[in-house]
Amino acid sequence: MKNKDKTPENKVRLKEVVDIVKQTAEAKGWETDILNIDEKTWKYASIHVRRYTGSHVEGNFDISIDGGVKIERQLISTFNPHGFADLHDAVMTELKKLQWLSSSKKKKEQELSPISKVNSILKRFHRVARQLQQRYDDRESLVIKDEYDVQDLLHGILCLFFDDIRPEEHTPSYAGASSRLDFLLKNEKIIIETKMTNRNLKDNKIGEQLIIDIKRYQSHPECNTLVCFVYDPSGFLKNPTGLINDISGKHDKLDIILIIEPNN
């Protein structure tokens, strides 16, 4: 049986990118030459561009194909680079129309794990809170004053990424007392517990509360991961890194992740 000669996927994609660079440049009045095409792995190519309208401008575009597309520009004529950066921007805009490139980007977004999404949200929480205070014409906005404000804002953000969010779920009793957790992501089996520091709630007390919380959640039937989010906008915690190291990790069968923001 004869082996079929299949064109490598990279070869097709590299040629598509080269064609886009050349066509975009020529449409904007640039002359082009292909300096090099990697015919072994079909991952790399270089294209020379030049234009003589008004002034002499020339440079190279170095193309890399490896899962995505990377194009680095190198200006050769340094006297007047007019239009060179604009050409690069135009090429990158055209590349976004490639179906295989957009599909690859969507696939990566879909492959982001639930815990990675939660981590990303909490790492940007302080940035969002600050942005809400900078409204047009000094309009009234949400100011984070206490833990309830943290919960309200976080709940709204979580709705962008998760479908089944259950706030204020009951947790099993521990040491004769029952507690209520902040958010249960039911499908993902993730619990998010929030706290906000103040003058009376600093390193030692935060640590003590978190240890009690961990004991409670270890018996929760729908929790594999406990994410503890401590919001510390005023910097009351003296050693946030030490607290993270002490709390985060495996506690019996429960994965504990402590995130403190901002954490400078």
Protein backbone atom coordinates (compact mmCIF):
# COMPACT_ATOMS: atom_id res chain seq x y z
CA MET A 1 0.00 0.00 0.00
CA LYS A 2 1.45 3.35 -1.02
CA ASN A 3 1.87 6.06 1.58
CA LYS A 4 -0.13 9.15 0.77
CA ASP A 5 1.83 12.38 0.53
CA LYS A 6 0.13 14.62 3.08
CA THR A 7 1.02 18.31 3.17
CA PRO A 8 2.11 19.18 6.72
CA GLU A 9 -0.34 21.36 8.61
CA ASN A 10 2.41 23.84 9.40
CA LYS A 11 3.22 24.20 5.72
CA VAL A 12 -0.33 25.23 4.88
CA ARG A 13 -0.53 27.61 7.80
CA LEU A 14 2.86 29.20 7.18
CA LYS A 15 1.99 29.85 3.56
CA GLU A 16 -1.31 31.42 4.63
CA VAL A 17 0.48 33.79 6.98
CA VAL A 18 3.12 34.68 4.37
CA ASP A 19 0.36 35.42 1.85
CA ILE A 20 -1.45 37.67 4.33
CA VAL A 21 1.73 39.62 5.08
CA LYS A 22 2.51 40.09 1.40
CA GLN A 23 -1.05 40.96 0.36
CA THR A 24 -1.55 43.42 3.21
CA ALA A 25 1.78 45.14 2.54
CA GLU A 26 1.20 45.40 -1.20
CA ALA A 27 -2.32 46.73 -0.68
CA LYS A 28 -0.84 49.54 1.41
CA GLY A 29 1.77 50.41 -1.20
CA TRP A 30 4.76 48.38 -0.02
CA GLU A 31 6.98 46.16 -2.16
CA THR A 32 7.75 42.72 -0.74
CA ASP A 33 10.33 39.96 -1.08
CA ILE A 34 10.41 36.58 0.65
CA LEU A 35 13.85 36.31 2.22
CA ASN A 36 13.48 32.85 3.69
CA ILE A 37 10.99 30.03 4.24
CA ASP A 38 11.81 27.10 6.51
CA GLU A 39 11.04 24.08 4.31
CA LYS A 40 12.00 21.50 6.97
CA THR A 41 9.67 22.24 9.87
CA TRP A 42 7.59 24.97 8.17
CA LYS A 43 7.68 27.11 11.29
CA TYR A 44 9.67 30.16 10.19
CA ALA A 45 9.79 32.72 7.40
CA SER A 46 11.16 36.21 6.78
CA ILE A 47 9.71 38.88 4.50
CA HIS A 48 11.38 42.10 3.42
CA VAL A 49 9.17 45.15 2.87
CA ARG A 50 10.06 48.58 1.45
CA ARG A 51 8.32 51.73 0.33
CA TYR A 52 9.55 54.81 -1.50
CA THR A 53 6.56 57.16 -1.25
CA GLY A 54 8.02 60.43 -0.02
CA SER A 55 10.83 58.73 1.90
CA HIS A 56 12.68 55.42 1.85
CA VAL A 57 11.39 53.01 4.51
CA GLU A 58 12.28 49.33 4.67
CA GLY A 59 12.31 46.53 7.18
CA ASN A 60 11.78 42.82 7.79
CA PHE A 61 8.97 40.76 9.26
CA ASP A 62 10.14 37.57 10.98
CA ILE A 63 7.34 35.01 11.21
CA SER A 64 7.10 32.12 13.67
CA ILE A 65 4.40 29.44 13.54
CA ASP A 66 4.23 27.22 16.61
CA GLY A 67 0.68 26.68 17.80
CA GLY A 68 0.01 30.38 17.31
CA VAL A 69 1.54 33.10 15.17
CA LYS A 70 4.28 35.52 16.19
CA ILE A 71 5.57 38.28 13.92
CA GLU A 72 8.52 40.39 14.97
CA ARG A 73 9.33 43.53 13.00
CA GLN A 74 12.83 44.84 12.35
CA LEU A 75 13.25 48.33 10.93
CA ILE A 76 16.24 48.66 8.58
CA SER A 77 16.00 52.29 7.54
CA THR A 78 16.08 54.34 10.73
CA PHE A 79 15.88 57.79 9.12
CA ASN A 80 12.10 57.85 8.79
CA PRO A 81 10.08 54.84 9.97
CA HIS A 82 6.78 56.37 8.88
CA GLY A 83 4.14 53.72 8.24
CA PHE A 84 6.16 50.68 9.32
CA ALA A 85 4.44 50.20 12.69
CA ASP A 86 1.08 50.85 11.05
CA LEU A 87 1.80 48.09 8.52
CA HIS A 88 2.60 45.66 11.32
CA ASP A 89 -0.68 46.52 13.07
CA ALA A 90 -2.61 46.00 9.83
CA VAL A 91 -0.99 42.59 9.31
CA MET A 92 -1.85 41.50 12.85
CA THR A 93 -5.47 42.60 12.34
CA GLU A 94 -5.73 40.52 9.18
CA LEU A 95 -4.21 37.50 10.91
CA LYS A 96 -7.02 37.50 13.47
CA LYS A 97 -9.37 36.50 10.66
CA LEU A 98 -7.64 33.14 10.24
CA GLN A 99 -10.11 30.49 11.33
CA TRP A 100 -7.51 28.08 12.68
CA LEU A 101 -5.89 30.83 14.74
CA SER A 102 -9.14 32.02 16.33
CA SER A 103 -10.18 28.40 16.94
CA SER A 104 -6.89 27.72 18.70
CA LYS A 105 -7.38 30.78 20.93
CA LYS A 106 -10.95 29.75 21.80
CA LYS A 107 -9.77 26.23 22.59
CA LYS A 108 -7.15 27.54 25.01
CA GLU A 109 -9.79 29.69 26.72
CA GLN A 110 -12.08 26.69 27.02
CA GLU A 111 -9.28 24.57 28.45
CA LEU A 112 -8.73 27.01 31.33
CA SER A 113 -9.56 25.04 34.46
CA PRO A 114 -12.24 26.26 36.91
CA ILE A 115 -9.67 26.81 39.65
CA SER A 116 -7.54 28.85 37.22
CA LYS A 117 -10.56 31.03 36.48
CA VAL A 118 -11.20 31.58 40.19
CA ASN A 119 -7.53 32.39 40.76
CA SER A 120 -7.54 34.89 37.89
CA ILE A 121 -10.70 36.59 39.19
CA LEU A 122 -9.36 36.99 42.72
CA LYS A 123 -5.95 38.20 41.53
CA ARG A 124 -7.72 41.02 39.65
CA PHE A 125 -10.34 41.79 42.29
CA HIS A 126 -8.53 44.81 43.73
CA ARG A 127 -8.05 46.25 40.25
CA VAL A 128 -11.80 45.96 39.60
CA ALA A 129 -12.64 47.51 42.97
CA ARG A 130 -10.41 50.50 42.26
CA GLN A 131 -11.82 50.95 38.78
CA LEU A 132 -15.37 51.14 40.16
CA GLN A 133 -14.36 54.18 42.19
CA GLN A 134 -13.31 56.10 39.07
CA ARG A 135 -16.67 56.82 37.50
CA TYR A 136 -17.57 59.61 35.10
CA ASP A 137 -18.69 62.91 36.60
CA ASP A 138 -18.06 61.64 40.16
CA ARG A 139 -21.11 59.40 40.04
CA GLU A 140 -21.91 57.21 43.03
CA SER A 141 -20.16 53.87 42.94
CA LEU A 142 -19.56 50.76 44.99
CA VAL A 143 -17.00 51.39 47.71
CA ILE A 144 -15.64 48.30 49.42
CA LYS A 145 -16.10 48.98 53.13
CA ASP A 146 -16.55 45.51 54.59
CA GLU A 147 -16.78 41.80 53.86
CA TYR A 148 -20.35 42.06 52.58
CA ASP A 149 -19.25 44.51 49.88
CA VAL A 150 -16.50 42.07 48.89
CA GLN A 151 -19.07 39.30 48.56
CA ASP A 152 -21.46 41.41 46.47
CA LEU A 153 -18.81 42.44 43.96
CA LEU A 154 -17.27 38.97 43.81
CA HIS A 155 -20.66 37.35 43.21
CA GLY A 156 -21.25 39.61 40.20
CA ILE A 157 -17.85 38.75 38.70
CA LEU A 158 -18.28 35.01 39.28
CA CYS A 159 -21.54 35.10 37.30
CA LEU A 160 -19.50 35.88 34.17
CA PHE A 161 -17.71 32.52 34.36
CA PHE A 162 -19.86 30.09 36.35
CA ASP A 163 -23.48 29.00 36.05
CA ASP A 164 -24.39 27.42 39.38
CA ILE A 165 -23.22 29.75 42.17
CA ARG A 166 -24.78 29.14 45.54
CA PRO A 167 -24.16 31.89 48.09
CA GLU A 168 -24.52 31.44 51.84
CA GLU A 169 -24.65 27.64 51.78
CA HIS A 170 -24.88 25.93 55.19
CA THR A 171 -21.80 24.01 56.24
CA PRO A 172 -21.81 21.07 58.65
CA SER A 173 -21.37 21.96 62.31
CA TYR A 174 -17.92 21.86 63.83
CA ALA A 175 -17.10 21.96 67.56
CA GLY A 176 -20.77 22.53 68.37
CA ALA A 177 -21.21 25.49 66.01
CA SER A 178 -22.49 25.80 62.48
CA SER A 179 -21.22 28.22 59.86
CA ARG A 180 -22.24 29.62 56.51
CA LEU A 181 -19.81 29.71 53.61
CA ASP A 182 -19.79 32.52 51.09
CA PHE A 183 -19.95 30.76 47.71
CA LEU A 184 -20.28 27.20 46.53
CA LEU A 185 -19.51 26.53 42.86
CA LYS A 186 -21.56 23.37 42.86
CA ASN A 187 -20.57 21.86 39.51
CA GLU A 188 -16.88 22.52 40.14
CA LYS A 189 -16.95 21.47 43.83
CA ILE A 190 -15.16 24.66 44.85
CA ILE A 191 -15.96 26.73 47.93
CA ILE A 192 -14.83 30.35 48.12
CA GLU A 193 -14.55 31.88 51.57
CA THR A 194 -14.01 35.66 51.74
CA LYS A 195 -12.62 37.86 54.46
CA MET A 196 -11.64 41.52 54.66
CA THR A 197 -9.02 42.79 57.05
CA ASN A 198 -9.53 45.70 59.43
CA ARG A 199 -7.83 47.12 62.51
CA ASN A 200 -9.21 44.30 64.63
CA LEU A 201 -8.78 41.51 62.08
CA LYS A 202 -5.12 41.08 61.23
CA ASP A 203 -2.53 38.30 60.88
CA ASN A 204 -3.20 36.16 63.97
CA LYS A 205 -6.99 36.42 63.97
CA ILE A 206 -7.23 35.86 60.22
CA GLY A 207 -5.06 32.77 60.59
CA GLU A 208 -7.16 31.43 63.46
CA GLN A 209 -10.41 31.94 61.53
CA LEU A 210 -9.02 30.23 58.44
CA ILE A 211 -7.91 27.20 60.44
CA ILE A 212 -11.41 26.86 61.91
CA ASP A 213 -12.93 27.24 58.45
CA ILE A 214 -10.71 24.49 57.06
CA LYS A 215 -11.82 22.10 59.79
CA ARG A 216 -15.45 22.82 58.99
CA TYR A 217 -15.14 22.43 55.24
CA GLN A 218 -13.24 19.15 55.44
CA SER A 219 -16.56 17.42 56.11
CA HIS A 220 -18.51 19.27 53.42
CA PRO A 221 -19.86 16.68 50.96
CA GLU A 222 -19.56 18.92 47.89
CA CYS A 223 -16.15 20.48 48.38
CA ASN A 224 -12.88 19.31 46.88
CA THR A 225 -11.15 22.69 46.94
CA LEU A 226 -11.44 25.54 49.42
CA VAL A 227 -10.30 28.93 48.12
CA CYS A 228 -9.80 31.46 50.92
CA PHE A 229 -9.76 35.04 49.67
CA VAL A 230 -8.50 37.70 52.05
CA TYR A 231 -8.99 41.25 50.82
CA ASP A 232 -6.43 43.56 52.43
CA PRO A 233 -6.68 46.94 50.66
CA SER A 234 -5.31 48.89 53.62
CA GLY A 235 -2.32 46.61 54.18
CA PHE A 236 -3.13 45.48 57.71
CA LEU A 237 -1.36 42.14 57.21
CA LYS A 238 2.30 42.33 58.15
CA ASN A 239 3.35 38.99 56.66
CA PRO A 240 0.90 37.89 53.93
CA THR A 241 3.46 35.56 52.34
CA GLY A 242 3.99 33.72 55.60
CA LEU A 243 0.25 33.34 56.07
CA ILE A 244 -0.12 31.94 52.54
CA ASN A 245 2.68 29.44 53.14
CA ASP A 246 1.14 28.31 56.45
CA ILE A 247 -2.42 27.87 55.16
CA SER A 248 -2.14 26.74 51.53
CA GLY A 249 -1.69 23.08 50.70
CA LYS A 250 -3.36 19.73 51.26
CA HIS A 251 -5.42 19.28 54.42
CA ASP A 252 -6.52 15.65 54.51
CA LYS A 253 -8.47 15.33 51.23
CA LEU A 254 -9.15 19.05 50.89
CA ASP A 255 -7.04 21.32 48.69
CA ILE A 256 -6.59 24.74 50.29
CA ILE A 257 -5.65 27.82 48.28
CA LEU A 258 -5.14 31.13 50.08
CA ILE A 259 -5.13 34.29 48.00
CA ILE A 260 -4.39 37.68 49.57
CA GLU A 261 -4.89 40.81 47.51
CA PRO A 262 -3.37 43.24 47.12
CA ASN A 263 -0.14 41.50 48.09
CA ASN A 264 2.80 43.80 47.41
